[in-house]
Amino acid sequence: MLLPIYIYGHPKLRKVSEDITPEYEGLSKLLDDMWQTMYESDGVGLAAPQVGKNIRIFVIDGSPFEEIDPDCKDFKKAFINAHILERSGEEVPFNEGCLSIPGIHEDVMRKDHIKIAYRDENWVEHVEEFTGTRARIIQHEYDHLDGIMFTDHLSALKKRLLKGKLSNISAGKFKQNYRVVLPK
């Protein structure tokens, strides 16, 4: 089932998400719905807060970035109860967008190496390190779990320049090809 995407300004996007237990009701269906929603919305990642659930889950398929980073080939994962343990390396710029902020793309600086603990959809625990584009995608989706949007990483000047566009997005004045939930 396609889930509606919560749009910039909605309070659910600013809440810190909580870990879940293996008994979380409907987890398999939620993951299936998140994958379907992400693909139908042309995203490379989707975090549970973006579909109105403040739980520590996100899904990623980095394959659209395979041409610029071969490590993204077949990089498809679900991250449950994700916690970044370490960020290191260089701060590298990359032009980011977000399904919750349609039409806005800006260069964001992020570390190019992370270490993350998470569980997969079979509830197997992992501690892994990622670099490059994979680390960037993970950090972008992970930020949603902590109530952080990519625009929060921008300079004060850039935020002021985007203020009108972000206000329009919150008011529903944008184009997209997916269902949305606007802030109240």
C-alpha atoms as a PDB file:
ATOM      1  CA  MET A   1       0.000   0.000   0.000  1.00  0.00           C
ATOM      2  CA  LEU A   2       1.280   3.445  -0.880  1.00  0.00           C
ATOM      3  CA  LEU A   3       1.705   5.580   2.215  1.00  0.00           C
ATOM      4  CA  PRO A   4       1.385   9.366   2.198  1.00  0.00           C
ATOM      5  CA  ILE A   5       4.613  11.337   2.737  1.00  0.00           C
ATOM      6  CA  TYR A   6       4.625  13.844   5.599  1.00  0.00           C
ATOM      7  CA  ILE A   7       5.710  17.270   4.381  1.00  0.00           C
ATOM      8  CA  TYR A   8       8.138  19.838   5.804  1.00  0.00           C
ATOM      9  CA  GLY A   9       6.614  21.660   8.764  1.00  0.00           C
ATOM     10  CA  HIS A  10       4.702  18.652  10.075  1.00  0.00           C
ATOM     11  CA  PRO A  11       5.536  18.084  13.776  1.00  0.00           C
ATOM     12  CA  LYS A  12       6.043  14.307  13.266  1.00  0.00           C
ATOM     13  CA  LEU A  13       9.170  15.142  11.260  1.00  0.00           C
ATOM     14  CA  ARG A  14      10.728  16.910  14.262  1.00  0.00           C
ATOM     15  CA  LYS A  15      10.222  14.207  16.894  1.00  0.00           C
ATOM     16  CA  VAL A  16      13.005  11.868  17.989  1.00  0.00           C
ATOM     17  CA  SER A  17      12.030   8.314  17.061  1.00  0.00           C
ATOM     18  CA  GLU A  18      12.045   5.339  19.401  1.00  0.00           C
ATOM     19  CA  ASP A  19      13.448   1.825  19.112  1.00  0.00           C
ATOM     20  CA  ILE A  20      10.981  -0.997  18.594  1.00  0.00           C
ATOM     21  CA  THR A  21      10.837  -4.634  19.728  1.00  0.00           C
ATOM     22  CA  PRO A  22      10.596  -7.728  17.508  1.00  0.00           C
ATOM     23  CA  GLU A  23       6.923  -7.895  18.489  1.00  0.00           C
ATOM     24  CA  TYR A  24       6.138  -4.546  16.818  1.00  0.00           C
ATOM     25  CA  GLU A  25       2.760  -5.183  15.234  1.00  0.00           C
ATOM     26  CA  GLY A  26       2.683  -4.952  11.448  1.00  0.00           C
ATOM     27  CA  LEU A  27       6.453  -4.523  10.978  1.00  0.00           C
ATOM     28  CA  SER A  28       6.664  -6.679   7.848  1.00  0.00           C
ATOM     29  CA  LYS A  29       3.748  -4.863   6.208  1.00  0.00           C
ATOM     30  CA  LEU A  30       5.165  -1.468   7.199  1.00  0.00           C
ATOM     31  CA  LEU A  31       8.509  -2.349   5.586  1.00  0.00           C
ATOM     32  CA  ASP A  32       6.767  -3.584   2.420  1.00  0.00           C
ATOM     33  CA  ASP A  33       4.686  -0.392   2.291  1.00  0.00           C
ATOM     34  CA  MET A  34       7.771   1.781   2.855  1.00  0.00           C
ATOM     35  CA  TRP A  35       9.639   0.070  -0.004  1.00  0.00           C
ATOM     36  CA  GLN A  36       6.656   0.495  -2.327  1.00  0.00           C
ATOM     37  CA  THR A  37       6.157   4.126  -1.301  1.00  0.00           C
ATOM     38  CA  MET A  38       9.855   4.929  -1.762  1.00  0.00           C
ATOM     39  CA  TYR A  39       9.982   3.403  -5.246  1.00  0.00           C
ATOM     40  CA  GLU A  40       6.687   4.941  -6.410  1.00  0.00           C
ATOM     41  CA  SER A  41       7.876   8.366  -5.155  1.00  0.00           C
ATOM     42  CA  ASP A  42      11.262   8.067  -6.929  1.00  0.00           C
ATOM     43  CA  GLY A  43      13.217   8.141  -3.667  1.00  0.00           C
ATOM     44  CA  VAL A  44      16.451   6.390  -2.742  1.00  0.00           C
ATOM     45  CA  GLY A  45      15.532   6.251   0.925  1.00  0.00           C
ATOM     46  CA  LEU A  46      12.542   6.625   3.210  1.00  0.00           C
ATOM     47  CA  ALA A  47      12.425   6.929   6.996  1.00  0.00           C
ATOM     48  CA  ALA A  48       9.467   5.929   9.147  1.00  0.00           C
ATOM     49  CA  PRO A  49       8.854   9.515  10.390  1.00  0.00           C
ATOM     50  CA  GLN A  50       8.261  10.512   6.764  1.00  0.00           C
ATOM     51  CA  VAL A  51       5.225   8.214   6.762  1.00  0.00           C
ATOM     52  CA  GLY A  52       4.030   9.330  10.190  1.00  0.00           C
ATOM     53  CA  LYS A  53       5.685   6.672  12.371  1.00  0.00           C
ATOM     54  CA  ASN A  54       8.169   7.908  14.977  1.00  0.00           C
ATOM     55  CA  ILE A  55      10.094   4.635  15.132  1.00  0.00           C
ATOM     56  CA  ARG A  56      13.753   4.021  14.245  1.00  0.00           C
ATOM     57  CA  ILE A  57      13.343   2.461  10.799  1.00  0.00           C
ATOM     58  CA  PHE A  58      14.482   3.484   7.345  1.00  0.00           C
ATOM     59  CA  VAL A  59      14.885   1.763   4.000  1.00  0.00           C
ATOM     60  CA  ILE A  60      17.480   2.523   1.334  1.00  0.00           C
ATOM     61  CA  ASP A  61      18.150   1.529  -2.253  1.00  0.00           C
ATOM     62  CA  GLY A  62      21.287   3.312  -3.448  1.00  0.00           C
ATOM     63  CA  SER A  63      21.361   1.707  -6.899  1.00  0.00           C
ATOM     64  CA  PRO A  64      20.430   4.977  -8.706  1.00  0.00           C
ATOM     65  CA  PHE A  65      23.881   6.259  -7.626  1.00  0.00           C
ATOM     66  CA  GLU A  66      25.750   3.251  -9.045  1.00  0.00           C
ATOM     67  CA  GLU A  67      27.273   5.299 -11.890  1.00  0.00           C
ATOM     68  CA  ILE A  68      28.947   7.792  -9.523  1.00  0.00           C
ATOM     69  CA  ASP A  69      29.716   5.229  -6.794  1.00  0.00           C
ATOM     70  CA  PRO A  70      29.976   1.529  -7.812  1.00  0.00           C
ATOM     71  CA  ASP A  71      29.572   0.538  -4.127  1.00  0.00           C
ATOM     72  CA  CYS A  72      25.912   1.570  -4.454  1.00  0.00           C
ATOM     73  CA  LYS A  73      25.212  -1.300  -6.859  1.00  0.00           C
ATOM     74  CA  ASP A  74      22.710  -3.611  -5.138  1.00  0.00           C
ATOM     75  CA  PHE A  75      22.870  -1.484  -1.967  1.00  0.00           C
ATOM     76  CA  LYS A  76      19.368  -2.196  -0.700  1.00  0.00           C
ATOM     77  CA  LYS A  77      18.801  -2.446   3.048  1.00  0.00           C
ATOM     78  CA  ALA A  78      16.292  -1.968   5.816  1.00  0.00           C
ATOM     79  CA  PHE A  79      17.692  -0.419   9.003  1.00  0.00           C
ATOM     80  CA  ILE A  80      15.737  -1.089  12.213  1.00  0.00           C
ATOM     81  CA  ASN A  81      16.706   0.490  15.560  1.00  0.00           C
ATOM     82  CA  ALA A  82      19.584   2.208  13.796  1.00  0.00           C
ATOM     83  CA  HIS A  83      22.169   4.097  15.849  1.00  0.00           C
ATOM     84  CA  ILE A  84      25.233   5.745  14.319  1.00  0.00           C
ATOM     85  CA  LEU A  85      28.205   4.931  16.550  1.00  0.00           C
ATOM     86  CA  GLU A  86      30.832   7.005  14.780  1.00  0.00           C
ATOM     87  CA  ARG A  87      31.203   9.591  12.019  1.00  0.00           C
ATOM     88  CA  SER A  88      34.683  10.235  10.661  1.00  0.00           C
ATOM     89  CA  GLY A  89      36.666  11.187   7.591  1.00  0.00           C
ATOM     90  CA  GLU A  90      36.360  14.283   5.453  1.00  0.00           C
ATOM     91  CA  GLU A  91      33.331  16.549   5.288  1.00  0.00           C
ATOM     92  CA  VAL A  92      32.183  16.207   1.687  1.00  0.00           C
ATOM     93  CA  PRO A  93      29.496  18.227  -0.131  1.00  0.00           C
ATOM     94  CA  PHE A  94      26.711  16.506  -2.056  1.00  0.00           C
ATOM     95  CA  ASN A  95      23.504  17.846  -3.551  1.00  0.00           C
ATOM     96  CA  GLU A  96      20.625  16.405  -1.513  1.00  0.00           C
ATOM     97  CA  GLY A  97      16.870  16.407  -1.856  1.00  0.00           C
ATOM     98  CA  CYS A  98      14.088  14.895   0.226  1.00  0.00           C
ATOM     99  CA  LEU A  99      10.624  13.502  -0.423  1.00  0.00           C
ATOM    100  CA  SER A 100       9.402  15.577   2.549  1.00  0.00           C
ATOM    101  CA  ILE A 101      10.790  18.775   0.985  1.00  0.00           C
ATOM    102  CA  PRO A 102       9.752  18.470  -2.675  1.00  0.00           C
ATOM    103  CA  GLY A 103      11.549  20.619  -5.218  1.00  0.00           C
ATOM    104  CA  ILE A 104      14.411  21.724  -2.949  1.00  0.00           C
ATOM    105  CA  HIS A 105      17.951  20.454  -3.598  1.00  0.00           C
ATOM    106  CA  GLU A 106      20.997  21.885  -1.825  1.00  0.00           C
ATOM    107  CA  ASP A 107      24.615  20.980  -1.183  1.00  0.00           C
ATOM    108  CA  VAL A 108      25.015  19.470   2.287  1.00  0.00           C
ATOM    109  CA  MET A 109      28.311  18.743   4.034  1.00  0.00           C
ATOM    110  CA  ARG A 110      28.548  15.312   5.674  1.00  0.00           C
ATOM    111  CA  LYS A 111      31.322  13.037   6.921  1.00  0.00           C
ATOM    112  CA  ASP A 112      32.276  10.394   4.371  1.00  0.00           C
ATOM    113  CA  HIS A 113      32.628   7.483   6.826  1.00  0.00           C
ATOM    114  CA  ILE A 114      30.208   6.099   9.422  1.00  0.00           C
ATOM    115  CA  LYS A 115      29.880   3.141  11.733  1.00  0.00           C
ATOM    116  CA  ILE A 116      26.277   2.124  12.451  1.00  0.00           C
ATOM    117  CA  ALA A 117      24.514  -0.505  14.568  1.00  0.00           C
ATOM    118  CA  TYR A 118      21.126  -1.735  13.387  1.00  0.00           C
ATOM    119  CA  ARG A 119      18.898  -4.753  12.939  1.00  0.00           C
ATOM    120  CA  ASP A 120      17.720  -5.997   9.557  1.00  0.00           C
ATOM    121  CA  GLU A 121      14.197  -7.148   8.639  1.00  0.00           C
ATOM    122  CA  ASN A 122      15.014 -10.634  10.028  1.00  0.00           C
ATOM    123  CA  TRP A 123      15.983  -9.019  13.336  1.00  0.00           C
ATOM    124  CA  VAL A 124      19.681  -9.916  12.869  1.00  0.00           C
ATOM    125  CA  GLU A 125      21.980  -7.420  14.569  1.00  0.00           C
ATOM    126  CA  HIS A 126      24.680  -5.708  12.486  1.00  0.00           C
ATOM    127  CA  VAL A 127      27.507  -3.287  13.187  1.00  0.00           C
ATOM    128  CA  GLU A 128      28.873  -2.071   9.871  1.00  0.00           C
ATOM    129  CA  GLU A 129      30.977   0.689   8.391  1.00  0.00           C
ATOM    130  CA  PHE A 130      30.016   2.571   5.251  1.00  0.00           C
ATOM    131  CA  THR A 131      31.833   5.160   3.159  1.00  0.00           C
ATOM    132  CA  GLY A 132      31.111   7.498   0.281  1.00  0.00           C
ATOM    133  CA  THR A 133      27.618   7.784  -1.139  1.00  0.00           C
ATOM    134  CA  ARG A 134      26.306   4.907   0.977  1.00  0.00           C
ATOM    135  CA  ALA A 135      27.392   6.740   4.158  1.00  0.00           C
ATOM    136  CA  ARG A 136      25.707   9.912   2.894  1.00  0.00           C
ATOM    137  CA  ILE A 137      22.375   8.228   2.109  1.00  0.00           C
ATOM    138  CA  ILE A 138      22.360   6.514   5.499  1.00  0.00           C
ATOM    139  CA  GLN A 139      23.126   9.779   7.330  1.00  0.00           C
ATOM    140  CA  HIS A 140      20.338  11.602   5.471  1.00  0.00           C
ATOM    141  CA  GLU A 141      17.734   8.962   6.386  1.00  0.00           C
ATOM    142  CA  TYR A 142      19.143   8.544   9.896  1.00  0.00           C
ATOM    143  CA  ASP A 143      18.719  12.274  10.534  1.00  0.00           C
ATOM    144  CA  HIS A 144      14.957  11.817  10.100  1.00  0.00           C
ATOM    145  CA  LEU A 145      14.985   9.463  13.099  1.00  0.00           C
ATOM    146  CA  ASP A 146      16.360  12.300  15.226  1.00  0.00           C
ATOM    147  CA  GLY A 147      13.948  14.934  13.896  1.00  0.00           C
ATOM    148  CA  ILE A 148      16.575  16.536  11.641  1.00  0.00           C
ATOM    149  CA  MET A 149      15.936  17.637   8.054  1.00  0.00           C
ATOM    150  CA  PHE A 150      18.713  18.144   5.491  1.00  0.00           C
ATOM    151  CA  THR A 151      17.938  21.883   5.450  1.00  0.00           C
ATOM    152  CA  ASP A 152      19.041  22.029   9.112  1.00  0.00           C
ATOM    153  CA  HIS A 153      22.606  21.466   7.879  1.00  0.00           C
ATOM    154  CA  LEU A 154      22.560  24.569   5.666  1.00  0.00           C
ATOM    155  CA  SER A 155      24.126  27.926   6.537  1.00  0.00           C
ATOM    156  CA  ALA A 156      21.991  30.639   8.145  1.00  0.00           C
ATOM    157  CA  LEU A 157      22.149  32.625   4.891  1.00  0.00           C
ATOM    158  CA  LYS A 158      21.003  29.680   2.771  1.00  0.00           C
ATOM    159  CA  LYS A 159      18.154  29.010   5.231  1.00  0.00           C
ATOM    160  CA  ARG A 160      17.006  32.636   4.934  1.00  0.00           C
ATOM    161  CA  LEU A 161      17.108  32.388   1.136  1.00  0.00           C
ATOM    162  CA  LEU A 162      14.963  29.226   1.237  1.00  0.00           C
ATOM    163  CA  LYS A 163      12.488  30.496   3.850  1.00  0.00           C
ATOM    164  CA  GLY A 164       9.819  31.491   1.299  1.00  0.00           C
ATOM    165  CA  LYS A 165      10.093  28.213  -0.628  1.00  0.00           C
ATOM    166  CA  LEU A 166       9.892  26.195   2.582  1.00  0.00           C
ATOM    167  CA  SER A 167       6.834  28.184   3.698  1.00  0.00           C
ATOM    168  CA  ASN A 168       5.193  27.443   0.350  1.00  0.00           C
ATOM    169  CA  ILE A 169       5.962  23.735   0.743  1.00  0.00           C
ATOM    170  CA  SER A 170       4.407  23.720   4.233  1.00  0.00           C
ATOM    171  CA  ALA A 171       1.326  25.404   2.751  1.00  0.00           C
ATOM    172  CA  GLY A 172       1.017  22.764   0.018  1.00  0.00           C
ATOM    173  CA  LYS A 173       2.198  24.993  -2.827  1.00  0.00           C
ATOM    174  CA  PHE A 174       4.372  22.515  -4.696  1.00  0.00           C
ATOM    175  CA  LYS A 175       4.122  19.752  -7.294  1.00  0.00           C
ATOM    176  CA  GLN A 176       4.754  16.084  -6.606  1.00  0.00           C
ATOM    177  CA  ASN A 177       3.601  12.723  -7.916  1.00  0.00           C
ATOM    178  CA  TYR A 178       2.784  11.137  -4.547  1.00  0.00           C
ATOM    179  CA  ARG A 179       0.234  11.507  -1.755  1.00  0.00           C
ATOM    180  CA  VAL A 180       1.188  13.825   1.089  1.00  0.00           C
ATOM    181  CA  VAL A 181       0.184  14.894   4.592  1.00  0.00           C
ATOM    182  CA  LEU A 182       0.565  18.636   5.105  1.00  0.00           C
ATOM    183  CA  PRO A 183       1.269  20.313   8.452  1.00  0.00           C
ATOM    184  CA  LYS A 184      -1.901  21.397  10.247  1.00  0.00           C
END
